[in-house]
Amino acid sequence: MGMSVGDGDSDGLMAEINVTPFVDVMLVLLIIFMVTAPMMTSGLEVQLPRAAAPALPQADEQAVVTLTVEGSVHLGTGTDQGQAISKEALAASLKAMAQNKPDQGVFIRADGKVPYEEVARVLAMATAAGIQKVGMVTDPRAPSAGASP
């Protein structure tokens, strides 16, 4: 790819576009992006979005496990908060519930400031007990996922 400048019969000078430096710069940039891309995906702090979901139809009174900021766990039904119980007693109650009513569902209602790890432990405890239907309770008046908290 070349471009002739002048009338061609002067000194034989010809101006050409030299793409070699451009290709070198692009290859260096490509290598930089390839090296830094894996570092950008780890170690980022994110705020999990809040979401409002439509209410699920309920045939029976559902069991509700409530987790408070103070760390207490309550097992109740529907609007009844129930009494505070230990996590060992919760596991035994969930197992008995799964044996008595195999299609019984459980809702987990946790305060927004409860660590995710605690919620995940209760979720794992419910599934290990044999509960097939586990749901999360959210506040329908909470801001949408795109809004700031």
N, C-alpha and C. Protein backbone atom coordinates (compact mmCIF):
# COMPACT_ATOMS: atom_id res chain seq x y z
N MET A 1 0.86 -1.15 0.00
CA MET A 1 0.00 0.00 0.00
C MET A 1 0.90 1.21 0.00
N GLY A 2 0.85 1.96 -1.00
CA GLY A 2 1.71 3.13 -1.10
C GLY A 2 0.97 4.28 -1.72
N MET A 3 1.59 5.44 -1.59
CA MET A 3 0.97 6.62 -2.14
C MET A 3 2.09 7.46 -2.76
N SER A 4 1.89 7.82 -3.96
CA SER A 4 2.91 8.58 -4.67
C SER A 4 2.65 10.07 -4.47
N VAL A 5 3.73 10.79 -4.21
CA VAL A 5 3.62 12.24 -4.04
C VAL A 5 4.54 12.89 -5.07
N GLY A 6 4.05 13.86 -5.74
CA GLY A 6 4.86 14.55 -6.75
C GLY A 6 4.60 14.00 -8.13
N ASP A 7 5.42 14.40 -9.07
CA ASP A 7 5.20 13.99 -10.45
C ASP A 7 5.91 12.69 -10.78
N GLY A 8 6.62 12.12 -9.84
CA GLY A 8 7.17 10.79 -10.06
C GLY A 8 8.52 10.78 -10.73
N ASP A 9 8.89 11.81 -11.45
CA ASP A 9 10.17 11.77 -12.14
C ASP A 9 11.21 12.65 -11.48
N SER A 10 10.91 13.22 -10.30
CA SER A 10 11.89 14.08 -9.64
C SER A 10 13.01 13.24 -9.06
N ASP A 11 13.05 13.06 -7.74
CA ASP A 11 14.16 12.35 -7.12
C ASP A 11 13.84 10.88 -6.89
N GLY A 12 12.69 10.45 -7.23
CA GLY A 12 12.29 9.07 -6.97
C GLY A 12 11.83 8.87 -5.54
N LEU A 13 11.53 9.98 -4.83
CA LEU A 13 11.04 9.89 -3.46
C LEU A 13 9.59 9.47 -3.46
N MET A 14 9.26 8.64 -2.51
CA MET A 14 7.91 8.15 -2.42
C MET A 14 7.49 8.13 -0.96
N ALA A 15 6.37 8.70 -0.63
CA ALA A 15 5.87 8.71 0.75
C ALA A 15 4.94 7.51 0.92
N GLU A 16 5.25 6.66 1.87
CA GLU A 16 4.43 5.48 2.13
C GLU A 16 3.99 5.48 3.59
N ILE A 17 2.86 4.90 3.84
CA ILE A 17 2.38 4.77 5.21
C ILE A 17 3.08 3.56 5.83
N ASN A 18 3.76 3.81 6.94
CA ASN A 18 4.48 2.75 7.63
C ASN A 18 3.59 2.24 8.77
N VAL A 19 3.05 1.02 8.64
CA VAL A 19 2.14 0.47 9.64
C VAL A 19 2.86 -0.34 10.71
N THR A 20 4.15 -0.53 10.60
CA THR A 20 4.87 -1.34 11.56
C THR A 20 4.79 -0.77 12.98
N PRO A 21 5.01 0.53 13.20
CA PRO A 21 4.87 1.06 14.57
C PRO A 21 3.44 0.91 15.10
N PHE A 22 2.45 1.07 14.23
CA PHE A 22 1.07 0.92 14.64
C PHE A 22 0.79 -0.51 15.11
N VAL A 23 1.27 -1.50 14.36
CA VAL A 23 1.09 -2.90 14.73
C VAL A 23 1.82 -3.20 16.04
N ASP A 24 3.01 -2.66 16.22
CA ASP A 24 3.76 -2.87 17.46
C ASP A 24 3.00 -2.33 18.67
N VAL A 25 2.46 -1.14 18.53
CA VAL A 25 1.71 -0.54 19.63
C VAL A 25 0.46 -1.38 19.94
N MET A 26 -0.23 -1.83 18.92
CA MET A 26 -1.43 -2.64 19.13
C MET A 26 -1.10 -3.96 19.81
N LEU A 27 0.00 -4.60 19.45
CA LEU A 27 0.39 -5.85 20.09
C LEU A 27 0.76 -5.63 21.56
N VAL A 28 1.43 -4.54 21.85
CA VAL A 28 1.77 -4.23 23.25
C VAL A 28 0.49 -4.00 24.06
N LEU A 29 -0.46 -3.25 23.51
CA LEU A 29 -1.73 -3.02 24.20
C LEU A 29 -2.49 -4.33 24.41
N LEU A 30 -2.48 -5.19 23.41
CA LEU A 30 -3.15 -6.48 23.53
C LEU A 30 -2.55 -7.30 24.66
N ILE A 31 -1.24 -7.33 24.76
CA ILE A 31 -0.57 -8.08 25.82
C ILE A 31 -0.90 -7.48 27.18
N ILE A 32 -0.91 -6.16 27.29
CA ILE A 32 -1.24 -5.50 28.55
C ILE A 32 -2.65 -5.87 28.98
N PHE A 33 -3.62 -5.83 28.06
CA PHE A 33 -4.99 -6.17 28.40
C PHE A 33 -5.13 -7.64 28.77
N MET A 34 -4.39 -8.51 28.10
CA MET A 34 -4.47 -9.94 28.41
C MET A 34 -3.91 -10.23 29.80
N VAL A 35 -2.90 -9.51 30.21
CA VAL A 35 -2.29 -9.72 31.52
C VAL A 35 -3.16 -9.13 32.63
N THR A 36 -3.74 -7.96 32.40
CA THR A 36 -4.50 -7.30 33.46
C THR A 36 -5.95 -7.74 33.56
N ALA A 37 -6.53 -8.34 32.54
CA ALA A 37 -7.95 -8.73 32.57
C ALA A 37 -8.26 -9.72 33.71
N PRO A 38 -7.48 -10.76 33.95
CA PRO A 38 -7.81 -11.66 35.07
C PRO A 38 -7.74 -10.97 36.43
N MET A 39 -6.90 -9.98 36.58
CA MET A 39 -6.78 -9.28 37.85
C MET A 39 -7.98 -8.39 38.12
N MET A 40 -8.63 -7.94 37.08
CA MET A 40 -9.76 -7.04 37.24
C MET A 40 -11.02 -7.77 37.70
N THR A 41 -11.12 -9.07 37.50
CA THR A 41 -12.33 -9.80 37.86
C THR A 41 -12.34 -10.28 39.30
N SER A 42 -11.21 -10.31 39.97
CA SER A 42 -11.19 -10.79 41.35
C SER A 42 -10.95 -9.63 42.30
N GLY A 43 -11.50 -9.75 43.48
CA GLY A 43 -11.27 -8.75 44.50
C GLY A 43 -12.14 -7.51 44.39
N LEU A 44 -13.19 -7.53 43.59
CA LEU A 44 -14.07 -6.39 43.48
C LEU A 44 -15.15 -6.47 44.54
N GLU A 45 -15.43 -5.35 45.19
CA GLU A 45 -16.50 -5.31 46.15
C GLU A 45 -17.79 -4.95 45.43
N VAL A 46 -18.84 -5.69 45.67
CA VAL A 46 -20.12 -5.42 45.04
C VAL A 46 -21.20 -5.33 46.10
N GLN A 47 -22.20 -4.53 45.82
CA GLN A 47 -23.38 -4.49 46.67
C GLN A 47 -24.45 -5.30 45.97
N LEU A 48 -24.92 -6.33 46.64
CA LEU A 48 -25.93 -7.18 46.03
C LEU A 48 -27.21 -6.38 45.84
N PRO A 49 -27.86 -6.54 44.69
CA PRO A 49 -29.07 -5.75 44.42
C PRO A 49 -30.25 -6.22 45.25
N ARG A 50 -31.13 -5.27 45.53
CA ARG A 50 -32.39 -5.59 46.17
C ARG A 50 -33.41 -5.77 45.07
N ALA A 51 -34.26 -6.74 45.24
CA ALA A 51 -35.26 -7.00 44.20
C ALA A 51 -36.60 -7.30 44.83
N ALA A 52 -37.61 -6.77 44.22
CA ALA A 52 -38.97 -7.07 44.66
C ALA A 52 -39.53 -8.10 43.68
N ALA A 53 -40.08 -9.17 44.23
CA ALA A 53 -40.63 -10.23 43.40
C ALA A 53 -42.12 -10.38 43.71
N PRO A 54 -42.89 -10.84 42.74
CA PRO A 54 -44.31 -11.06 43.03
C PRO A 54 -44.49 -12.16 44.06
N ALA A 55 -45.54 -12.04 44.84
CA ALA A 55 -45.81 -13.02 45.88
C ALA A 55 -46.17 -14.37 45.27
N LEU A 56 -45.69 -15.42 45.89
CA LEU A 56 -46.00 -16.77 45.44
C LEU A 56 -47.32 -17.22 46.04
N PRO A 57 -48.12 -17.99 45.30
CA PRO A 57 -49.37 -18.48 45.88
C PRO A 57 -49.09 -19.46 47.01
N GLN A 58 -49.88 -19.36 48.08
CA GLN A 58 -49.68 -20.23 49.23
C GLN A 58 -50.93 -21.05 49.46
N ALA A 59 -50.76 -22.35 49.45
CA ALA A 59 -51.89 -23.24 49.72
C ALA A 59 -52.05 -23.44 51.23
N ASP A 60 -50.97 -23.63 51.93
CA ASP A 60 -50.98 -23.84 53.38
C ASP A 60 -50.17 -22.75 54.05
N GLU A 61 -50.22 -22.76 55.36
CA GLU A 61 -49.38 -21.85 56.15
C GLU A 61 -47.93 -22.31 55.99
N GLN A 62 -47.08 -21.44 55.53
CA GLN A 62 -45.69 -21.79 55.27
C GLN A 62 -44.84 -21.55 56.52
N ALA A 63 -43.81 -22.35 56.68
CA ALA A 63 -42.85 -22.16 57.76
C ALA A 63 -41.91 -21.03 57.36
N VAL A 64 -41.58 -20.18 58.35
CA VAL A 64 -40.71 -19.04 58.10
C VAL A 64 -39.56 -19.09 59.09
N VAL A 65 -38.33 -19.07 58.56
CA VAL A 65 -37.14 -19.00 59.39
C VAL A 65 -36.67 -17.55 59.32
N THR A 66 -36.61 -16.89 60.49
CA THR A 66 -36.23 -15.49 60.56
C THR A 66 -34.85 -15.37 61.18
N LEU A 67 -33.96 -14.63 60.51
CA LEU A 67 -32.62 -14.36 61.02
C LEU A 67 -32.54 -12.88 61.38
N THR A 68 -32.14 -12.58 62.61
CA THR A 68 -32.04 -11.19 63.04
C THR A 68 -30.60 -10.72 63.02
N VAL A 69 -30.41 -9.42 63.13
CA VAL A 69 -29.06 -8.84 63.12
C VAL A 69 -28.27 -9.31 64.34
N GLU A 70 -28.98 -9.52 65.46
CA GLU A 70 -28.30 -9.95 66.68
C GLU A 70 -27.80 -11.38 66.59
N GLY A 71 -28.23 -12.13 65.59
CA GLY A 71 -27.78 -13.50 65.40
C GLY A 71 -28.77 -14.54 65.87
N SER A 72 -29.94 -14.12 66.33
CA SER A 72 -30.92 -15.11 66.77
C SER A 72 -31.70 -15.67 65.59
N VAL A 73 -32.15 -16.90 65.74
CA VAL A 73 -32.91 -17.60 64.70
C VAL A 73 -34.28 -17.93 65.27
N HIS A 74 -35.32 -17.62 64.49
CA HIS A 74 -36.70 -17.88 64.91
C HIS A 74 -37.35 -18.78 63.87
N LEU A 75 -38.14 -19.73 64.34
CA LEU A 75 -38.91 -20.59 63.43
C LEU A 75 -40.37 -20.38 63.75
N GLY A 76 -41.11 -19.88 62.77
CA GLY A 76 -42.52 -19.62 62.96
C GLY A 76 -43.30 -19.99 61.71
N THR A 77 -44.59 -19.63 61.73
CA THR A 77 -45.43 -19.89 60.56
C THR A 77 -46.14 -18.61 60.18
N GLY A 78 -46.14 -18.27 58.91
CA GLY A 78 -46.86 -17.10 58.41
C GLY A 78 -46.45 -15.83 59.12
N THR A 79 -47.42 -15.17 59.78
CA THR A 79 -47.15 -13.92 60.48
C THR A 79 -46.60 -14.14 61.87
N ASP A 80 -46.72 -15.35 62.42
CA ASP A 80 -46.19 -15.67 63.75
C ASP A 80 -44.67 -15.79 63.66
N GLN A 81 -43.95 -14.96 64.40
CA GLN A 81 -42.48 -14.96 64.37
C GLN A 81 -41.89 -16.19 65.04
N GLY A 82 -42.63 -16.80 65.97
CA GLY A 82 -42.10 -17.97 66.65
C GLY A 82 -41.11 -17.61 67.73
N GLN A 83 -40.60 -18.60 68.37
CA GLN A 83 -39.64 -18.42 69.45
C GLN A 83 -38.22 -18.56 68.93
N ALA A 84 -37.28 -17.92 69.60
CA ALA A 84 -35.87 -18.06 69.24
C ALA A 84 -35.42 -19.47 69.56
N ILE A 85 -34.72 -20.10 68.60
CA ILE A 85 -34.22 -21.45 68.79
C ILE A 85 -32.77 -21.52 68.37
N SER A 86 -32.09 -22.55 68.81
CA SER A 86 -30.69 -22.73 68.40
C SER A 86 -30.65 -23.32 66.99
N LYS A 87 -29.48 -23.25 66.39
CA LYS A 87 -29.35 -23.78 65.03
C LYS A 87 -29.47 -25.30 65.00
N GLU A 88 -29.06 -25.97 66.09
CA GLU A 88 -29.21 -27.42 66.16
C GLU A 88 -30.70 -27.79 66.24
N ALA A 89 -31.46 -27.02 67.04
CA ALA A 89 -32.89 -27.27 67.14
C ALA A 89 -33.59 -26.94 65.82
N LEU A 90 -33.09 -25.93 65.12
CA LEU A 90 -33.66 -25.59 63.81
C LEU A 90 -33.46 -26.74 62.84
N ALA A 91 -32.26 -27.32 62.83
CA ALA A 91 -31.99 -28.45 61.93
C ALA A 91 -32.90 -29.63 62.24
N ALA A 92 -33.11 -29.91 63.53
CA ALA A 92 -33.99 -31.02 63.91
C ALA A 92 -35.44 -30.71 63.52
N SER A 93 -35.88 -29.46 63.71
CA SER A 93 -37.26 -29.08 63.36
C SER A 93 -37.49 -29.18 61.86
N LEU A 94 -36.51 -28.73 61.08
CA LEU A 94 -36.63 -28.79 59.62
C LEU A 94 -36.68 -30.24 59.13
N LYS A 95 -35.87 -31.09 59.77
CA LYS A 95 -35.86 -32.50 59.38
C LYS A 95 -37.19 -33.16 59.70
N ALA A 96 -37.75 -32.85 60.87
CA ALA A 96 -39.05 -33.40 61.25
C ALA A 96 -40.14 -32.87 60.32
N MET A 97 -40.04 -31.62 59.96
CA MET A 97 -41.01 -31.01 59.05
C MET A 97 -40.97 -31.69 57.68
N ALA A 98 -39.77 -31.98 57.19
CA ALA A 98 -39.62 -32.62 55.89
C ALA A 98 -40.16 -34.04 55.91
N GLN A 99 -40.05 -34.72 57.05
CA GLN A 99 -40.57 -36.09 57.15
C GLN A 99 -42.09 -36.11 57.27
N ASN A 100 -42.65 -35.15 58.02
CA ASN A 100 -44.10 -35.11 58.22
C ASN A 100 -44.84 -34.63 56.98
N LYS A 101 -44.33 -33.58 56.37
CA LYS A 101 -44.95 -33.01 55.16
C LYS A 101 -43.86 -32.85 54.10
N PRO A 102 -43.68 -33.82 53.23
CA PRO A 102 -42.60 -33.74 52.24
C PRO A 102 -42.73 -32.55 51.28
N ASP A 103 -43.96 -32.07 51.05
CA ASP A 103 -44.12 -30.95 50.12
C ASP A 103 -44.17 -29.60 50.84
N GLN A 104 -43.86 -29.57 52.13
CA GLN A 104 -43.86 -28.33 52.92
C GLN A 104 -42.75 -27.41 52.43
N GLY A 105 -43.08 -26.15 52.27
CA GLY A 105 -42.09 -25.15 51.87
C GLY A 105 -41.63 -24.34 53.06
N VAL A 106 -40.46 -23.76 52.94
CA VAL A 106 -39.89 -22.92 54.00
C VAL A 106 -39.44 -21.61 53.37
N PHE A 107 -39.78 -20.51 54.03
CA PHE A 107 -39.30 -19.19 53.60
C PHE A 107 -38.22 -18.73 54.57
N ILE A 108 -37.16 -18.17 54.01
CA ILE A 108 -36.09 -17.60 54.84
C ILE A 108 -36.25 -16.09 54.79
N ARG A 109 -36.41 -15.51 55.96
CA ARG A 109 -36.58 -14.06 56.08
C ARG A 109 -35.41 -13.54 56.91
N ALA A 110 -34.48 -12.87 56.26
CA ALA A 110 -33.28 -12.39 56.96
C ALA A 110 -33.19 -10.88 56.86
N ASP A 111 -32.70 -10.28 57.93
CA ASP A 111 -32.45 -8.85 57.93
C ASP A 111 -31.39 -8.54 56.87
N GLY A 112 -31.47 -7.36 56.28
CA GLY A 112 -30.52 -6.99 55.22
C GLY A 112 -29.08 -6.91 55.70
N LYS A 113 -28.86 -6.76 56.99
CA LYS A 113 -27.50 -6.64 57.52
C LYS A 113 -26.93 -7.96 58.02
N VAL A 114 -27.71 -9.03 57.90
CA VAL A 114 -27.20 -10.36 58.28
C VAL A 114 -26.20 -10.79 57.22
N PRO A 115 -25.03 -11.29 57.63
CA PRO A 115 -24.03 -11.72 56.64
C PRO A 115 -24.58 -12.80 55.72
N TYR A 116 -24.19 -12.73 54.48
CA TYR A 116 -24.64 -13.68 53.47
C TYR A 116 -24.30 -15.12 53.88
N GLU A 117 -23.20 -15.29 54.55
CA GLU A 117 -22.77 -16.63 54.95
C GLU A 117 -23.79 -17.27 55.89
N GLU A 118 -24.38 -16.49 56.80
CA GLU A 118 -25.38 -17.03 57.72
C GLU A 118 -26.64 -17.45 56.98
N VAL A 119 -27.05 -16.64 56.00
CA VAL A 119 -28.23 -16.98 55.20
C VAL A 119 -27.96 -18.26 54.40
N ALA A 120 -26.76 -18.36 53.84
CA ALA A 120 -26.39 -19.54 53.06
C ALA A 120 -26.36 -20.79 53.94
N ARG A 121 -25.94 -20.66 55.20
CA ARG A 121 -25.92 -21.81 56.11
C ARG A 121 -27.34 -22.30 56.40
N VAL A 122 -28.26 -21.36 56.62
CA VAL A 122 -29.65 -21.76 56.88
C VAL A 122 -30.25 -22.41 55.63
N LEU A 123 -29.94 -21.85 54.47
CA LEU A 123 -30.42 -22.43 53.21
C LEU A 123 -29.88 -23.85 53.03
N ALA A 124 -28.60 -24.05 53.30
CA ALA A 124 -28.00 -25.38 53.20
C ALA A 124 -28.60 -26.33 54.23
N MET A 125 -28.89 -25.81 55.43
CA MET A 125 -29.49 -26.63 56.47
C MET A 125 -30.88 -27.12 56.04
N ALA A 126 -31.65 -26.24 55.41
CA ALA A 126 -32.99 -26.61 54.95
C ALA A 126 -32.93 -27.66 53.84
N THR A 127 -32.03 -27.48 52.90
CA THR A 127 -31.94 -28.46 51.81
C THR A 127 -31.38 -29.79 52.30
N ALA A 128 -30.46 -29.75 53.27
CA ALA A 128 -29.92 -30.98 53.83
C ALA A 128 -30.98 -31.74 54.63
N ALA A 129 -31.95 -30.99 55.20
CA ALA A 129 -33.02 -31.63 55.97
C ALA A 129 -34.04 -32.30 55.05
N GLY A 130 -34.01 -31.97 53.76
CA GLY A 130 -34.93 -32.58 52.82
C GLY A 130 -36.06 -31.67 52.36
N ILE A 131 -35.97 -30.40 52.71
CA ILE A 131 -36.98 -29.43 52.27
C ILE A 131 -36.77 -29.19 50.78
N GLN A 132 -37.82 -29.40 49.98
CA GLN A 132 -37.72 -29.25 48.53
C GLN A 132 -37.95 -27.82 48.06
N LYS A 133 -38.81 -27.09 48.77
CA LYS A 133 -39.15 -25.72 48.36
C LYS A 133 -38.64 -24.74 49.40
N VAL A 134 -37.66 -23.94 49.01
CA VAL A 134 -37.11 -22.93 49.90
C VAL A 134 -37.19 -21.59 49.16
N GLY A 135 -37.77 -20.60 49.82
CA GLY A 135 -37.90 -19.28 49.21
C GLY A 135 -37.29 -18.21 50.08
N MET A 136 -36.99 -17.06 49.49
CA MET A 136 -36.45 -15.92 50.20
C MET A 136 -37.52 -14.84 50.27
N VAL A 137 -37.70 -14.24 51.43
CA VAL A 137 -38.68 -13.19 51.61
C VAL A 137 -37.99 -11.85 51.39
N THR A 138 -38.58 -11.01 50.53
CA THR A 138 -38.05 -9.68 50.26
C THR A 138 -39.11 -8.64 50.57
N ASP A 139 -38.69 -7.41 50.69
CA ASP A 139 -39.60 -6.29 50.92
C ASP A 139 -40.02 -5.74 49.57
N PRO A 140 -41.30 -5.80 49.21
CA PRO A 140 -41.71 -5.30 47.89
C PRO A 140 -41.54 -3.79 47.75
N ARG A 141 -41.39 -3.08 48.86
CA ARG A 141 -41.20 -1.63 48.78
C ARG A 141 -39.73 -1.25 48.67
N ALA A 142 -38.86 -2.25 48.60
CA ALA A 142 -37.43 -1.99 48.49
C ALA A 142 -37.12 -1.36 47.14
N PRO A 143 -36.06 -0.55 47.06
CA PRO A 143 -35.70 0.05 45.78
C PRO A 143 -35.37 -1.02 44.74
N SER A 144 -35.54 -0.67 43.49
CA SER A 144 -35.23 -1.61 42.43
C SER A 144 -33.73 -1.81 42.33
N ALA A 145 -33.32 -2.79 41.51
CA ALA A 145 -31.91 -3.16 41.40
C ALA A 145 -31.07 -2.02 40.88
N GLY A 146 -31.62 -1.13 40.09
CA GLY A 146 -30.83 -0.03 39.53
C GLY A 146 -30.67 1.14 40.45
N ALA A 147 -31.46 1.21 41.52
CA ALA A 147 -31.40 2.35 42.44
C ALA A 147 -30.32 2.14 43.46
N SER A 148 -29.81 3.23 43.97
CA SER A 148 -28.78 3.13 45.01
C SER A 148 -29.46 2.91 46.34
N PRO A 149 -28.80 2.21 47.30
CA PRO A 149 -29.43 1.88 48.58
C PRO A 149 -29.65 3.09 49.44
